[in-house]
Amino acid sequence: MKMKKFLILVRQFSIAIGILLIWRGLWYMLDYVDRVIFNGNNIFTVVGGVVIGIVILYLPDHDLKELGKLY
C-alpha cells in the first residue's frame, strides 16, 4: 500500500515537472520571438497570449467560468 502511494506521488511530481519545463520552454521561445521579430517590443506577444488564452478557456464549454475561479 505504501509503495502504491509512493508511485502515485512520483507520477504526480513528474507530471508537475513536465508541465513546468514546457512552460519554461514556451516562455523562452516567446522571449526569442520578441527579440527577433518584434525588436524587443513584447506587447504583441503579451496581448496575443492573453487573447489566445481566453479563447482556449472559452472553446470547450463556451463560457469563461474558469476565470471566475481566480478569486
Protein backbone atom coordinates (compact mmCIF):
# COMPACT_ATOMS: atom_id res chain seq x y z
CA MET A 1 0.00 0.00 0.00
CA LYS A 2 2.81 2.41 0.85
CA MET A 3 4.56 1.59 -2.42
CA LYS A 4 1.38 2.40 -4.38
CA LYS A 5 1.07 5.80 -2.68
CA PHE A 6 4.76 6.45 -3.35
CA LEU A 7 4.34 5.63 -7.04
CA ILE A 8 1.33 7.94 -7.27
CA LEU A 9 3.39 10.72 -5.67
CA VAL A 10 6.28 10.12 -8.07
CA ARG A 11 3.90 10.18 -11.04
CA GLN A 12 2.23 13.42 -9.93
CA PHE A 13 5.59 15.03 -9.25
CA SER A 14 6.93 14.03 -12.67
CA ILE A 15 3.80 15.44 -14.35
CA ALA A 16 4.27 18.73 -12.48
CA ILE A 17 7.94 18.90 -13.52
CA GLY A 18 6.98 18.17 -17.13
CA ILE A 19 4.41 20.97 -17.14
CA LEU A 20 6.90 23.40 -15.64
CA LEU A 21 9.53 22.53 -18.25
CA ILE A 22 7.03 23.05 -21.07
CA TRP A 23 6.02 26.40 -19.56
CA ARG A 24 9.67 27.44 -19.23
CA GLY A 25 10.41 26.47 -22.82
CA LEU A 26 7.43 28.40 -24.15
CA TRP A 27 8.44 31.41 -22.08
CA TYR A 28 11.93 31.47 -23.61
CA MET A 29 10.57 30.89 -27.11
CA LEU A 30 8.27 33.89 -26.76
CA ASP A 31 11.18 35.99 -25.45
CA TYR A 32 13.12 34.96 -28.56
CA VAL A 33 10.19 35.90 -30.82
CA ASP A 34 10.01 39.28 -29.07
CA ARG A 35 13.69 39.95 -29.69
CA VAL A 36 13.92 38.70 -33.26
CA ILE A 37 10.56 39.55 -34.84
CA PHE A 38 9.30 42.45 -32.74
CA ASN A 39 12.70 44.03 -31.94
CA GLY A 40 12.29 43.61 -28.17
CA ASN A 41 8.76 45.01 -28.03
CA ASN A 42 6.87 42.30 -26.14
CA ILE A 43 3.44 43.96 -26.21
CA PHE A 44 2.42 41.86 -29.24
CA THR A 45 3.13 38.51 -27.58
CA VAL A 46 1.63 39.69 -24.29
CA VAL A 47 -1.66 40.74 -25.87
CA GLY A 48 -1.63 37.76 -28.20
CA GLY A 49 -1.03 35.39 -25.28
CA VAL A 50 -3.93 36.83 -23.30
CA VAL A 51 -6.29 36.63 -26.28
CA ILE A 52 -5.24 33.07 -27.17
CA GLY A 53 -5.55 32.03 -23.51
CA ILE A 54 -9.08 33.41 -23.26
CA VAL A 55 -10.06 31.66 -26.49
CA ILE A 56 -8.62 28.35 -25.21
CA LEU A 57 -10.60 28.70 -21.99
CA TYR A 58 -13.77 29.66 -23.87
CA LEU A 59 -13.86 26.95 -26.54
CA PRO A 60 -14.60 23.74 -24.55
CA ASP A 61 -17.65 24.99 -22.59
CA HIS A 62 -18.47 28.22 -24.46
CA ASP A 63 -18.15 30.16 -21.21
CA LEU A 64 -15.38 31.69 -19.11
CA LYS A 65 -16.28 30.21 -15.70
CA GLU A 66 -12.64 29.15 -15.29
CA LEU A 67 -11.68 32.81 -14.96
CA GLY A 68 -14.14 33.18 -12.07
CA LYS A 69 -12.12 30.64 -10.10
CA LEU A 70 -9.17 33.03 -9.91
CA TYR A 71 -10.55 34.93 -6.93
